Amino acid sequence: MCGRYTLSTDPATLATAFGLAATPTVEPRYNIAPTQPVGAVRVEGGERRFVRLRWGLIPSWAKDPSIGSRLINARAETVVEKPSFRTALRLRRCLVVADGFYEWQRRPDGGKQPYHIRLVDGRPFAFAGLWERWADPTGAPVETCTILTTAANALMATIHDRMPVILDAADYAAWLDPERRDPVAVLPLLAPYPPERMAAHPVSSRVNRPSEDVPELVNSL
């Protein structure tokens, strides 16, 4: 799964990496958690734009918005079948922008050791995301998202049996293409990322607390 991640890359680098129409306003974050606003890229008017979405997808038909807290991730293997996700998979795909994420390894004593995982070259990357627009009781729109997950690659398997879907930069256009509405055309993109391009190191359990959001969290123990 993916329950916490980081984004501290400077805005100009993000604009170049994701082909954005404008340089985004982004504050460095070191412990992004579910229900918080997150940065994502989607196509609007034929251009890639950086937007803010709430992490935890609320389907447009939902009666109770608390469902979003349970839909922070969508499994790639079943996303086509799930009513909460299948329409968004066809029509509302996005890139959730990150430069690292956390996962917890179960220890023999029953405790959990957090790890920070990033790309070897340190560049920013994109999780495969889906987004939805829900209307609150006043009719105001609430835009939310979820992050797709897949089976762990060889590196991640030493920590956890799942990992977020990290898209190759060459696949951003295909994932965002609004004309690709057949899931068969995009499901092959939801594969484990090559383990040799990733690195992981253990970090302090301070990251367990969402209120902790400082650069030191990503430092190796």
N, C-alpha and C. Protein backbone atom coordinates (compact mmCIF):
# COMPACT_ATOMS: atom_id res chain seq x y z
N MET A 1 0.84 -1.19 0.00
CA MET A 1 0.00 0.00 0.00
C MET A 1 0.87 1.24 0.00
N CYS A 2 0.27 2.38 -0.01
CA CYS A 2 0.99 3.65 0.10
C CYS A 2 0.18 4.54 1.03
N GLY A 3 0.75 4.84 2.21
CA GLY A 3 0.01 5.63 3.18
C GLY A 3 0.69 6.92 3.58
N ARG A 4 1.93 7.12 3.20
CA ARG A 4 2.65 8.37 3.47
C ARG A 4 3.68 8.57 2.37
N TYR A 5 3.94 9.84 2.04
CA TYR A 5 4.99 10.10 1.06
C TYR A 5 5.54 11.50 1.21
N THR A 6 6.52 11.83 0.37
CA THR A 6 7.23 13.10 0.47
C THR A 6 7.23 13.83 -0.87
N LEU A 7 7.36 15.15 -0.79
CA LEU A 7 7.54 15.98 -1.99
C LEU A 7 8.21 17.28 -1.56
N SER A 8 9.51 17.37 -1.85
CA SER A 8 10.26 18.58 -1.50
C SER A 8 11.05 19.13 -2.68
N THR A 9 10.83 18.58 -3.86
CA THR A 9 11.51 19.04 -5.08
C THR A 9 11.09 20.46 -5.40
N ASP A 10 12.02 21.29 -5.88
CA ASP A 10 11.70 22.68 -6.17
C ASP A 10 10.71 22.78 -7.33
N PRO A 11 9.84 23.80 -7.30
CA PRO A 11 8.77 23.92 -8.29
C PRO A 11 9.23 23.95 -9.74
N ALA A 12 10.33 24.63 -10.02
CA ALA A 12 10.81 24.71 -11.41
C ALA A 12 11.17 23.33 -11.95
N THR A 13 11.79 22.51 -11.11
CA THR A 13 12.13 21.14 -11.52
C THR A 13 10.87 20.33 -11.77
N LEU A 14 9.85 20.52 -10.94
CA LEU A 14 8.59 19.81 -11.13
C LEU A 14 7.95 20.21 -12.46
N ALA A 15 7.97 21.50 -12.75
CA ALA A 15 7.36 21.98 -13.99
C ALA A 15 8.02 21.34 -15.21
N THR A 16 9.33 21.22 -15.17
CA THR A 16 10.06 20.60 -16.29
C THR A 16 9.80 19.10 -16.35
N ALA A 17 9.86 18.43 -15.19
CA ALA A 17 9.72 16.98 -15.15
C ALA A 17 8.35 16.52 -15.64
N PHE A 18 7.31 17.32 -15.39
CA PHE A 18 5.96 16.89 -15.73
C PHE A 18 5.34 17.67 -16.89
N GLY A 19 6.13 18.52 -17.53
CA GLY A 19 5.64 19.25 -18.70
C GLY A 19 4.45 20.12 -18.38
N LEU A 20 4.53 20.85 -17.26
CA LEU A 20 3.39 21.65 -16.80
C LEU A 20 3.23 22.94 -17.58
N ALA A 21 2.00 23.39 -17.66
CA ALA A 21 1.70 24.64 -18.36
C ALA A 21 2.21 25.85 -17.58
N ALA A 22 2.36 25.71 -16.25
CA ALA A 22 2.85 26.80 -15.40
C ALA A 22 3.60 26.21 -14.23
N THR A 23 4.53 26.99 -13.68
CA THR A 23 5.28 26.53 -12.51
C THR A 23 4.36 26.52 -11.30
N PRO A 24 4.26 25.40 -10.59
CA PRO A 24 3.33 25.31 -9.47
C PRO A 24 3.86 25.98 -8.21
N THR A 25 2.96 26.29 -7.32
CA THR A 25 3.32 26.75 -5.98
C THR A 25 3.27 25.53 -5.06
N VAL A 26 4.43 25.14 -4.55
CA VAL A 26 4.53 23.90 -3.78
C VAL A 26 5.36 24.14 -2.53
N GLU A 27 4.82 23.79 -1.37
CA GLU A 27 5.57 23.85 -0.12
C GLU A 27 6.24 22.50 0.11
N PRO A 28 7.50 22.46 0.56
CA PRO A 28 8.14 21.18 0.84
C PRO A 28 7.36 20.40 1.90
N ARG A 29 7.15 19.11 1.63
CA ARG A 29 6.43 18.25 2.56
C ARG A 29 7.24 16.96 2.75
N TYR A 30 7.30 16.51 4.02
CA TYR A 30 8.11 15.34 4.35
C TYR A 30 7.30 14.22 4.99
N ASN A 31 5.98 14.40 5.09
CA ASN A 31 5.14 13.37 5.70
C ASN A 31 3.69 13.59 5.27
N ILE A 32 3.44 13.52 3.98
CA ILE A 32 2.11 13.73 3.44
C ILE A 32 1.24 12.53 3.81
N ALA A 33 0.06 12.80 4.37
CA ALA A 33 -0.80 11.74 4.90
C ALA A 33 -2.19 11.79 4.29
N PRO A 34 -2.92 10.68 4.36
CA PRO A 34 -4.30 10.64 3.85
C PRO A 34 -5.17 11.73 4.45
N THR A 35 -6.15 12.17 3.66
CA THR A 35 -7.12 13.24 3.94
C THR A 35 -6.53 14.63 3.76
N GLN A 36 -5.21 14.72 3.55
CA GLN A 36 -4.58 16.02 3.33
C GLN A 36 -4.62 16.40 1.85
N PRO A 37 -4.49 17.69 1.53
CA PRO A 37 -4.37 18.10 0.11
C PRO A 37 -3.04 17.60 -0.45
N VAL A 38 -3.08 17.09 -1.68
CA VAL A 38 -1.87 16.61 -2.32
C VAL A 38 -1.76 17.21 -3.72
N GLY A 39 -0.55 17.26 -4.24
CA GLY A 39 -0.32 17.81 -5.57
C GLY A 39 -0.46 16.73 -6.64
N ALA A 40 -1.19 17.05 -7.69
CA ALA A 40 -1.40 16.10 -8.78
C ALA A 40 -1.37 16.83 -10.11
N VAL A 41 -1.12 16.08 -11.16
CA VAL A 41 -1.12 16.62 -12.52
C VAL A 41 -2.24 15.95 -13.30
N ARG A 42 -3.04 16.74 -14.00
CA ARG A 42 -4.07 16.22 -14.88
C ARG A 42 -4.16 17.11 -16.10
N VAL A 43 -4.83 16.63 -17.13
CA VAL A 43 -4.97 17.39 -18.36
C VAL A 43 -6.25 18.22 -18.29
N GLU A 44 -6.10 19.53 -18.51
CA GLU A 44 -7.24 20.45 -18.56
C GLU A 44 -7.07 21.33 -19.79
N GLY A 45 -8.06 21.33 -20.67
CA GLY A 45 -7.96 22.14 -21.88
C GLY A 45 -6.77 21.79 -22.74
N GLY A 46 -6.39 20.53 -22.73
CA GLY A 46 -5.27 20.08 -23.55
C GLY A 46 -3.91 20.35 -22.95
N GLU A 47 -3.84 20.89 -21.73
CA GLU A 47 -2.56 21.18 -21.08
C GLU A 47 -2.45 20.44 -19.75
N ARG A 48 -1.23 20.14 -19.37
CA ARG A 48 -1.00 19.52 -18.07
C ARG A 48 -0.96 20.60 -17.00
N ARG A 49 -1.80 20.44 -16.01
CA ARG A 49 -1.89 21.43 -14.93
C ARG A 49 -1.71 20.77 -13.57
N PHE A 50 -1.06 21.51 -12.69
CA PHE A 50 -0.85 21.06 -11.31
C PHE A 50 -2.05 21.49 -10.48
N VAL A 51 -2.68 20.53 -9.81
CA VAL A 51 -3.88 20.83 -9.03
C VAL A 51 -3.74 20.25 -7.63
N ARG A 52 -4.62 20.70 -6.74
CA ARG A 52 -4.68 20.16 -5.38
C ARG A 52 -5.91 19.28 -5.25
N LEU A 53 -5.70 18.07 -4.75
CA LEU A 53 -6.78 17.12 -4.53
C LEU A 53 -6.67 16.59 -3.11
N ARG A 54 -7.80 16.24 -2.51
CA ARG A 54 -7.76 15.63 -1.18
C ARG A 54 -7.48 14.15 -1.34
N TRP A 55 -6.52 13.64 -0.54
CA TRP A 55 -6.13 12.23 -0.65
C TRP A 55 -7.15 11.35 0.07
N GLY A 56 -7.83 10.52 -0.71
CA GLY A 56 -8.88 9.65 -0.22
C GLY A 56 -10.10 9.84 -1.10
N LEU A 57 -10.27 8.95 -2.08
CA LEU A 57 -11.25 9.18 -3.13
C LEU A 57 -12.70 9.04 -2.64
N ILE A 58 -13.51 10.05 -2.95
CA ILE A 58 -14.95 10.01 -2.67
C ILE A 58 -15.66 9.88 -4.02
N PRO A 59 -16.27 8.74 -4.31
CA PRO A 59 -16.99 8.60 -5.59
C PRO A 59 -18.09 9.65 -5.70
N SER A 60 -18.40 10.02 -6.91
CA SER A 60 -19.40 11.07 -7.13
C SER A 60 -20.76 10.70 -6.56
N TRP A 61 -21.06 9.39 -6.47
CA TRP A 61 -22.35 8.92 -6.01
C TRP A 61 -22.40 8.66 -4.50
N ALA A 62 -21.30 8.87 -3.79
CA ALA A 62 -21.24 8.54 -2.37
C ALA A 62 -22.20 9.40 -1.54
N LYS A 63 -22.87 8.79 -0.58
CA LYS A 63 -23.73 9.51 0.35
C LYS A 63 -22.95 10.00 1.56
N ASP A 64 -21.93 9.22 1.93
CA ASP A 64 -21.14 9.54 3.12
C ASP A 64 -19.69 9.80 2.70
N PRO A 65 -19.21 11.04 2.87
CA PRO A 65 -17.84 11.37 2.43
C PRO A 65 -16.76 10.65 3.23
N SER A 66 -17.10 10.08 4.37
CA SER A 66 -16.08 9.38 5.16
C SER A 66 -15.53 8.17 4.43
N ILE A 67 -16.20 7.74 3.36
CA ILE A 67 -15.69 6.62 2.56
C ILE A 67 -14.30 6.94 2.02
N GLY A 68 -14.00 8.23 1.84
CA GLY A 68 -12.71 8.62 1.30
C GLY A 68 -11.54 8.17 2.15
N SER A 69 -11.72 8.12 3.47
CA SER A 69 -10.62 7.72 4.35
C SER A 69 -10.26 6.25 4.16
N ARG A 70 -11.16 5.48 3.54
CA ARG A 70 -10.90 4.06 3.28
C ARG A 70 -10.42 3.80 1.86
N LEU A 71 -10.47 4.84 1.02
CA LEU A 71 -10.12 4.67 -0.39
C LEU A 71 -8.89 5.49 -0.76
N ILE A 72 -7.85 5.39 0.06
CA ILE A 72 -6.60 6.10 -0.24
C ILE A 72 -5.80 5.36 -1.30
N ASN A 73 -6.05 4.05 -1.44
CA ASN A 73 -5.36 3.23 -2.44
C ASN A 73 -6.37 2.40 -3.22
N ALA A 74 -6.00 2.05 -4.45
CA ALA A 74 -6.79 1.17 -5.29
C ALA A 74 -5.87 0.10 -5.84
N ARG A 75 -6.24 -1.15 -5.68
CA ARG A 75 -5.40 -2.25 -6.16
C ARG A 75 -5.48 -2.36 -7.68
N ALA A 76 -4.32 -2.38 -8.34
CA ALA A 76 -4.29 -2.46 -9.80
C ALA A 76 -4.98 -3.72 -10.31
N GLU A 77 -4.90 -4.81 -9.53
CA GLU A 77 -5.45 -6.08 -9.98
C GLU A 77 -6.98 -6.09 -10.02
N THR A 78 -7.62 -5.22 -9.25
CA THR A 78 -9.09 -5.25 -9.16
C THR A 78 -9.74 -3.92 -9.49
N VAL A 79 -8.95 -2.93 -9.90
CA VAL A 79 -9.49 -1.58 -10.09
C VAL A 79 -10.59 -1.52 -11.14
N VAL A 80 -10.52 -2.38 -12.14
CA VAL A 80 -11.54 -2.39 -13.19
C VAL A 80 -12.89 -2.85 -12.64
N GLU A 81 -12.87 -3.70 -11.64
CA GLU A 81 -14.09 -4.31 -11.12
C GLU A 81 -14.80 -3.47 -10.07
N LYS A 82 -14.07 -2.60 -9.39
CA LYS A 82 -14.63 -1.91 -8.24
C LYS A 82 -15.47 -0.70 -8.66
N PRO A 83 -16.72 -0.62 -8.22
CA PRO A 83 -17.57 0.53 -8.58
C PRO A 83 -16.97 1.87 -8.17
N SER A 84 -16.23 1.89 -7.08
CA SER A 84 -15.65 3.15 -6.60
C SER A 84 -14.60 3.71 -7.55
N PHE A 85 -13.98 2.84 -8.38
CA PHE A 85 -12.83 3.25 -9.17
C PHE A 85 -13.01 3.14 -10.69
N ARG A 86 -13.90 2.28 -11.14
CA ARG A 86 -13.87 1.93 -12.56
C ARG A 86 -14.19 3.10 -13.49
N THR A 87 -15.07 4.01 -13.08
CA THR A 87 -15.36 5.16 -13.95
C THR A 87 -14.16 6.11 -14.00
N ALA A 88 -13.54 6.34 -12.84
CA ALA A 88 -12.36 7.20 -12.81
C ALA A 88 -11.23 6.60 -13.63
N LEU A 89 -11.11 5.28 -13.64
CA LEU A 89 -10.06 4.66 -14.44
C LEU A 89 -10.25 4.97 -15.92
N ARG A 90 -11.48 5.07 -16.36
CA ARG A 90 -11.76 5.37 -17.75
C ARG A 90 -11.60 6.86 -18.07
N LEU A 91 -12.02 7.72 -17.14
CA LEU A 91 -12.19 9.13 -17.48
C LEU A 91 -11.36 10.12 -16.67
N ARG A 92 -10.87 9.73 -15.50
CA ARG A 92 -10.25 10.71 -14.61
C ARG A 92 -8.96 10.15 -14.00
N ARG A 93 -7.96 10.03 -14.84
CA ARG A 93 -6.65 9.58 -14.37
C ARG A 93 -5.75 10.79 -14.13
N CYS A 94 -4.85 10.66 -13.18
CA CYS A 94 -3.93 11.77 -12.86
C CYS A 94 -2.59 11.21 -12.43
N LEU A 95 -1.62 12.09 -12.31
CA LEU A 95 -0.30 11.78 -11.76
C LEU A 95 -0.23 12.39 -10.37
N VAL A 96 0.00 11.59 -9.35
CA VAL A 96 0.21 12.12 -8.00
C VAL A 96 1.72 12.30 -7.83
N VAL A 97 2.13 13.53 -7.63
CA VAL A 97 3.56 13.90 -7.70
C VAL A 97 4.25 13.64 -6.36
N ALA A 98 5.42 13.02 -6.43
CA ALA A 98 6.18 12.66 -5.22
C ALA A 98 7.67 12.64 -5.52
N ASP A 99 8.47 12.57 -4.46
CA ASP A 99 9.89 12.28 -4.65
C ASP A 99 10.38 11.23 -3.66
N GLY A 100 9.45 10.61 -2.95
CA GLY A 100 9.76 9.51 -2.05
C GLY A 100 8.49 9.05 -1.36
N PHE A 101 8.55 7.88 -0.74
CA PHE A 101 7.41 7.41 0.04
C PHE A 101 7.90 6.54 1.19
N TYR A 102 7.01 6.31 2.14
CA TYR A 102 7.34 5.49 3.31
C TYR A 102 6.59 4.17 3.26
N GLU A 103 7.26 3.14 3.78
CA GLU A 103 6.58 1.86 3.99
C GLU A 103 7.12 1.26 5.28
N TRP A 104 6.32 0.41 5.90
CA TRP A 104 6.65 -0.14 7.20
C TRP A 104 6.91 -1.64 7.09
N GLN A 105 8.07 -2.06 7.60
CA GLN A 105 8.48 -3.47 7.61
C GLN A 105 8.17 -4.07 8.98
N ARG A 106 7.48 -5.20 8.98
CA ARG A 106 7.17 -5.86 10.25
C ARG A 106 8.42 -6.53 10.80
N ARG A 107 8.74 -6.24 12.07
CA ARG A 107 9.91 -6.82 12.73
C ARG A 107 9.55 -8.11 13.45
N PRO A 108 10.54 -8.94 13.75
CA PRO A 108 10.27 -10.20 14.47
C PRO A 108 9.58 -9.99 15.81
N ASP A 109 9.83 -8.83 16.46
CA ASP A 109 9.21 -8.58 17.77
C ASP A 109 7.79 -8.06 17.66
N GLY A 110 7.27 -7.97 16.41
CA GLY A 110 5.91 -7.50 16.22
C GLY A 110 5.80 -6.02 15.93
N GLY A 111 6.88 -5.28 16.14
CA GLY A 111 6.87 -3.86 15.84
C GLY A 111 7.05 -3.63 14.34
N LYS A 112 7.05 -2.38 13.94
CA LYS A 112 7.22 -2.03 12.54
C LYS A 112 8.30 -0.97 12.37
N GLN A 113 9.19 -1.23 11.40
CA GLN A 113 10.28 -0.30 11.09
C GLN A 113 9.94 0.48 9.83
N PRO A 114 9.82 1.81 9.91
CA PRO A 114 9.55 2.58 8.70
C PRO A 114 10.80 2.73 7.82
N TYR A 115 10.56 2.73 6.52
CA TYR A 115 11.59 2.96 5.52
C TYR A 115 11.17 4.12 4.63
N HIS A 116 12.17 4.88 4.15
CA HIS A 116 11.91 5.87 3.12
C HIS A 116 12.46 5.33 1.82
N ILE A 117 11.64 5.37 0.78
CA ILE A 117 12.01 4.82 -0.52
C ILE A 117 11.98 5.93 -1.56
N ARG A 118 12.97 5.98 -2.41
CA ARG A 118 13.06 7.01 -3.45
C ARG A 118 13.69 6.39 -4.69
N LEU A 119 13.79 7.18 -5.75
CA LEU A 119 14.53 6.73 -6.92
C LEU A 119 16.02 6.95 -6.69
N VAL A 120 16.82 6.09 -7.27
CA VAL A 120 18.27 6.16 -7.07
C VAL A 120 18.83 7.52 -7.47
N ASP A 121 18.30 8.10 -8.56
CA ASP A 121 18.83 9.38 -9.02
C ASP A 121 18.20 10.58 -8.30
N GLY A 122 17.28 10.34 -7.38
CA GLY A 122 16.70 11.42 -6.58
C GLY A 122 15.68 12.28 -7.28
N ARG A 123 15.34 11.96 -8.52
CA ARG A 123 14.40 12.83 -9.24
C ARG A 123 12.97 12.59 -8.77
N PRO A 124 12.09 13.56 -9.03
CA PRO A 124 10.68 13.37 -8.69
C PRO A 124 10.04 12.35 -9.63
N PHE A 125 8.93 11.80 -9.20
CA PHE A 125 8.25 10.78 -9.99
C PHE A 125 6.74 10.90 -9.77
N ALA A 126 6.00 10.04 -10.44
CA ALA A 126 4.54 10.10 -10.33
C ALA A 126 3.96 8.74 -9.97
N PHE A 127 3.09 8.75 -8.96
CA PHE A 127 2.24 7.59 -8.71
C PHE A 127 1.08 7.64 -9.70
N ALA A 128 0.63 6.50 -10.16
CA ALA A 128 -0.59 6.44 -10.96
C ALA A 128 -1.77 6.75 -10.04
N GLY A 129 -2.54 7.78 -10.39
CA GLY A 129 -3.66 8.18 -9.56
C GLY A 129 -4.96 8.27 -10.32
N LEU A 130 -6.05 8.23 -9.57
CA LEU A 130 -7.39 8.46 -10.10
C LEU A 130 -8.02 9.58 -9.28
N TRP A 131 -8.86 10.39 -9.93
CA TRP A 131 -9.50 11.47 -9.18
C TRP A 131 -11.00 11.48 -9.45
N GLU A 132 -11.73 12.09 -8.52
CA GLU A 132 -13.18 12.21 -8.63
C GLU A 132 -13.62 13.58 -8.12
N ARG A 133 -14.80 13.99 -8.57
CA ARG A 133 -15.41 15.23 -8.07
C ARG A 133 -16.74 14.88 -7.39
N TRP A 134 -16.85 15.24 -6.12
CA TRP A 134 -18.03 14.96 -5.30
C TRP A 134 -18.62 16.29 -4.85
N ALA A 135 -19.92 16.36 -4.68
CA ALA A 135 -20.56 17.60 -4.23
C ALA A 135 -20.98 17.45 -2.77
N ASP A 136 -20.57 18.41 -1.94
CA ASP A 136 -20.97 18.38 -0.53
C ASP A 136 -22.44 18.82 -0.41
N PRO A 137 -23.02 18.79 0.80
CA PRO A 137 -24.45 19.11 0.96
C PRO A 137 -24.84 20.50 0.45
N THR A 138 -23.87 21.42 0.36
CA THR A 138 -24.18 22.76 -0.16
C THR A 138 -24.04 22.83 -1.67
N GLY A 139 -23.58 21.74 -2.27
CA GLY A 139 -23.35 21.72 -3.71
C GLY A 139 -21.94 22.10 -4.12
N ALA A 140 -21.09 22.43 -3.14
CA ALA A 140 -19.71 22.80 -3.44
C ALA A 140 -18.91 21.57 -3.87
N PRO A 141 -18.10 21.68 -4.91
CA PRO A 141 -17.33 20.52 -5.38
C PRO A 141 -16.16 20.20 -4.45
N VAL A 142 -15.93 18.91 -4.24
CA VAL A 142 -14.79 18.42 -3.48
C VAL A 142 -14.06 17.43 -4.38
N GLU A 143 -12.81 17.74 -4.72
CA GLU A 143 -12.04 16.88 -5.61
C GLU A 143 -11.06 16.04 -4.81
N THR A 144 -11.10 14.74 -5.04
CA THR A 144 -10.31 13.80 -4.25
C THR A 144 -9.56 12.84 -5.17
N CYS A 145 -8.63 12.08 -4.59
CA CYS A 145 -7.85 11.15 -5.41
C CYS A 145 -7.47 9.91 -4.63
N THR A 146 -7.02 8.91 -5.35
CA THR A 146 -6.47 7.69 -4.77
C THR A 146 -5.22 7.32 -5.53
N ILE A 147 -4.36 6.54 -4.90
CA ILE A 147 -3.10 6.07 -5.50
C ILE A 147 -3.21 4.58 -5.77
N LEU A 148 -2.87 4.17 -6.98
CA LEU A 148 -2.91 2.75 -7.32
C LEU A 148 -1.71 2.01 -6.74
N THR A 149 -1.94 0.75 -6.37
CA THR A 149 -0.87 -0.09 -5.84
C THR A 149 -0.79 -1.38 -6.63
N THR A 150 0.36 -2.03 -6.53
CA THR A 150 0.59 -3.28 -7.24
C THR A 150 1.45 -4.19 -6.37
N ALA A 151 1.78 -5.37 -6.88
CA ALA A 151 2.64 -6.29 -6.14
C ALA A 151 4.03 -5.68 -5.98
N ALA A 152 4.68 -6.02 -4.89
CA ALA A 152 6.02 -5.49 -4.62
C ALA A 152 7.05 -6.02 -5.60
N ASN A 153 8.01 -5.16 -5.97
CA ASN A 153 9.15 -5.64 -6.75
C ASN A 153 10.17 -6.27 -5.79
N ALA A 154 11.32 -6.67 -6.30
CA ALA A 154 12.29 -7.39 -5.47
C ALA A 154 12.80 -6.55 -4.30
N LEU A 155 12.97 -5.25 -4.50
CA LEU A 155 13.42 -4.39 -3.41
C LEU A 155 12.33 -4.25 -2.36
N MET A 156 11.12 -3.90 -2.80
CA MET A 156 10.03 -3.65 -1.87
C MET A 156 9.59 -4.92 -1.14
N ALA A 157 9.77 -6.09 -1.75
CA ALA A 157 9.34 -7.35 -1.13
C ALA A 157 10.07 -7.62 0.17
N THR A 158 11.24 -7.00 0.37
CA THR A 158 11.96 -7.16 1.63
C THR A 158 11.34 -6.30 2.74
N ILE A 159 10.44 -5.40 2.36
CA ILE A 159 9.82 -4.48 3.31
C ILE A 159 8.33 -4.75 3.45
N HIS A 160 7.64 -4.93 2.31
CA HIS A 160 6.19 -5.08 2.30
C HIS A 160 5.79 -5.83 1.04
N ASP A 161 4.58 -6.42 1.04
CA ASP A 161 4.17 -7.19 -0.14
C ASP A 161 3.46 -6.36 -1.21
N ARG A 162 3.27 -5.05 -0.95
CA ARG A 162 2.65 -4.16 -1.92
C ARG A 162 3.52 -2.93 -2.10
N MET A 163 3.29 -2.22 -3.20
CA MET A 163 3.98 -0.95 -3.43
C MET A 163 3.08 -0.07 -4.30
N PRO A 164 3.27 1.24 -4.24
CA PRO A 164 2.52 2.12 -5.13
C PRO A 164 2.99 1.93 -6.57
N VAL A 165 2.07 2.16 -7.50
CA VAL A 165 2.44 2.13 -8.92
C VAL A 165 3.18 3.41 -9.25
N ILE A 166 4.45 3.28 -9.59
CA ILE A 166 5.26 4.40 -10.05
C ILE A 166 5.34 4.31 -11.57
N LEU A 167 4.87 5.34 -12.23
CA LEU A 167 4.85 5.34 -13.69
C LEU A 167 6.20 5.78 -14.25
N ASP A 168 6.64 5.14 -15.30
CA ASP A 168 7.81 5.61 -16.02
C ASP A 168 7.45 6.94 -16.70
N ALA A 169 8.38 7.87 -16.73
CA ALA A 169 8.10 9.18 -17.33
C ALA A 169 7.63 9.05 -18.78
N ALA A 170 8.10 8.04 -19.48
CA ALA A 170 7.70 7.84 -20.86
C ALA A 170 6.22 7.44 -20.98
N ASP A 171 5.61 7.05 -19.87
CA ASP A 171 4.21 6.63 -19.88
C ASP A 171 3.25 7.68 -19.35
N TYR A 172 3.75 8.85 -18.97
CA TYR A 172 2.86 9.89 -18.44
C TYR A 172 1.78 10.26 -19.45
N ALA A 173 2.19 10.46 -20.69
CA ALA A 173 1.24 10.90 -21.72
C ALA A 173 0.13 9.87 -21.92
N ALA A 174 0.50 8.60 -21.95
CA ALA A 174 -0.49 7.55 -22.15
C ALA A 174 -1.47 7.49 -20.97
N TRP A 175 -0.95 7.61 -19.75
CA TRP A 175 -1.81 7.55 -18.58
C TRP A 175 -2.77 8.74 -18.53
N LEU A 176 -2.31 9.90 -18.93
CA LEU A 176 -3.14 11.11 -18.86
C LEU A 176 -4.05 11.29 -20.07
N ASP A 177 -3.82 10.57 -21.13
CA ASP A 177 -4.55 10.77 -22.39
C ASP A 177 -6.06 10.59 -22.20
N PRO A 178 -6.85 11.65 -22.33
CA PRO A 178 -8.30 11.54 -22.11
C PRO A 178 -9.01 10.72 -23.18
N GLU A 179 -8.35 10.46 -24.30
CA GLU A 179 -8.96 9.66 -25.36
C GLU A 179 -8.82 8.16 -25.10
N ARG A 180 -7.94 7.78 -24.19
CA ARG A 180 -7.77 6.36 -23.87
C ARG A 180 -8.78 5.99 -22.78
N ARG A 181 -9.95 5.58 -23.20
CA ARG A 181 -11.02 5.29 -22.25
C ARG A 181 -11.23 3.79 -22.01
N ASP A 182 -10.54 2.99 -22.76
CA ASP A 182 -10.62 1.55 -22.57
C ASP A 182 -9.56 1.13 -21.55
N PRO A 183 -9.97 0.57 -20.40
CA PRO A 183 -8.97 0.17 -19.39
C PRO A 183 -7.89 -0.75 -19.93
N VAL A 184 -8.22 -1.54 -20.94
CA VAL A 184 -7.23 -2.45 -21.52
C VAL A 184 -6.01 -1.69 -22.03
N ALA A 185 -6.21 -0.44 -22.42
CA ALA A 185 -5.12 0.36 -22.97
C ALA A 185 -4.16 0.89 -21.90
N VAL A 186 -4.61 0.94 -20.65
CA VAL A 186 -3.76 1.53 -19.61
C VAL A 186 -3.36 0.53 -18.52
N LEU A 187 -4.06 -0.57 -18.39
CA LEU A 187 -3.72 -1.53 -17.34
C LEU A 187 -2.28 -2.04 -17.42
N PRO A 188 -1.70 -2.22 -18.63
CA PRO A 188 -0.31 -2.67 -18.68
C PRO A 188 0.68 -1.71 -18.03
N LEU A 189 0.27 -0.45 -17.83
CA LEU A 189 1.17 0.53 -17.20
C LEU A 189 1.27 0.32 -15.69
N LEU A 190 0.36 -0.46 -15.13
CA LEU A 190 0.27 -0.60 -13.67
C LEU A 190 1.12 -1.75 -13.17
N ALA A 191 2.38 -1.74 -13.53
CA ALA A 191 3.31 -2.82 -13.19
C ALA A 191 4.31 -2.35 -12.13
N PRO A 192 4.93 -3.27 -11.39
CA PRO A 192 5.96 -2.88 -10.43
C PRO A 192 7.10 -2.13 -11.11
N TYR A 193 7.59 -1.10 -10.46
CA TYR A 193 8.70 -0.31 -11.00
C TYR A 193 9.99 -1.12 -10.88
N PRO A 194 10.94 -0.95 -11.81
CA PRO A 194 12.19 -1.71 -11.75
C PRO A 194 12.93 -1.48 -10.43
N PRO A 195 13.24 -2.53 -9.69
CA PRO A 195 13.86 -2.36 -8.38
C PRO A 195 15.24 -1.73 -8.42
N GLU A 196 15.99 -1.94 -9.52
CA GLU A 196 17.34 -1.39 -9.60
C GLU A 196 17.33 0.13 -9.70
N ARG A 197 16.20 0.74 -9.97
CA ARG A 197 16.10 2.19 -10.06
C ARG A 197 15.67 2.81 -8.73
N MET A 198 15.51 1.99 -7.70
CA MET A 198 15.00 2.47 -6.42
C MET A 198 15.99 2.20 -5.30
N ALA A 199 15.87 2.98 -4.22
CA ALA A 199 16.71 2.78 -3.04
C ALA A 199 15.84 2.96 -1.80
N ALA A 200 16.19 2.26 -0.74
CA ALA A 200 15.40 2.33 0.50
C ALA A 200 16.34 2.35 1.70
N HIS A 201 15.96 3.09 2.74
CA HIS A 201 16.72 3.08 3.98
C HIS A 201 15.78 3.27 5.17
N PRO A 202 16.13 2.70 6.33
CA PRO A 202 15.28 2.83 7.51
C PRO A 202 15.32 4.25 8.07
N VAL A 203 14.19 4.69 8.61
CA VAL A 203 14.10 6.04 9.19
C VAL A 203 13.46 5.97 10.57
N SER A 204 13.45 7.09 11.24
CA SER A 204 12.91 7.17 12.60
C SER A 204 11.41 6.93 12.64
N SER A 205 10.95 6.35 13.73
CA SER A 205 9.51 6.13 13.93
C SER A 205 8.76 7.44 14.14
N ARG A 206 9.45 8.56 14.14
CA ARG A 206 8.77 9.86 14.20
C ARG A 206 7.78 10.01 13.05
N VAL A 207 8.09 9.35 11.93
CA VAL A 207 7.22 9.47 10.77
C VAL A 207 5.84 8.86 11.03
N ASN A 208 5.72 8.05 12.07
CA ASN A 208 4.42 7.45 12.39
C ASN A 208 3.38 8.51 12.74
N ARG A 209 3.82 9.68 13.16
CA ARG A 209 2.91 10.74 13.58
C ARG A 209 2.72 11.72 12.42
N PRO A 210 1.51 11.84 11.87
CA PRO A 210 1.28 12.75 10.75
C PRO A 210 1.61 14.20 11.08
N SER A 211 1.59 14.57 12.36
CA SER A 211 1.91 15.94 12.74
C SER A 211 3.38 16.26 12.56
N GLU A 212 4.22 15.24 12.45
CA GLU A 212 5.65 15.44 12.21
C GLU A 212 5.87 15.66 10.71
N ASP A 213 6.43 16.79 10.35
CA ASP A 213 6.64 17.10 8.94
C ASP A 213 7.88 17.98 8.81
N VAL A 214 9.04 17.36 8.98
CA VAL A 214 10.31 18.08 8.95
C VAL A 214 11.31 17.32 8.09
N PRO A 215 12.31 18.01 7.53
CA PRO A 215 13.28 17.35 6.64
C PRO A 215 13.99 16.16 7.26
N GLU A 216 14.20 16.20 8.57
CA GLU A 216 14.94 15.13 9.23
C GLU A 216 14.27 13.77 9.13
N LEU A 217 12.98 13.74 8.82
CA LEU A 217 12.28 12.47 8.75
C LEU A 217 12.84 11.54 7.70
N VAL A 218 13.41 12.08 6.64
CA VAL A 218 13.90 11.22 5.55
C VAL A 218 15.34 10.77 5.77
N ASN A 219 15.97 11.22 6.85
CA ASN A 219 17.35 10.84 7.12
C ASN A 219 17.44 9.38 7.54
N SER A 220 18.47 8.72 7.10
CA SER A 220 18.68 7.32 7.47
C SER A 220 19.05 7.21 8.94
N LEU A 221 18.64 6.12 9.57
CA LEU A 221 18.99 5.88 10.97
C LEU A 221 20.49 5.69 11.13
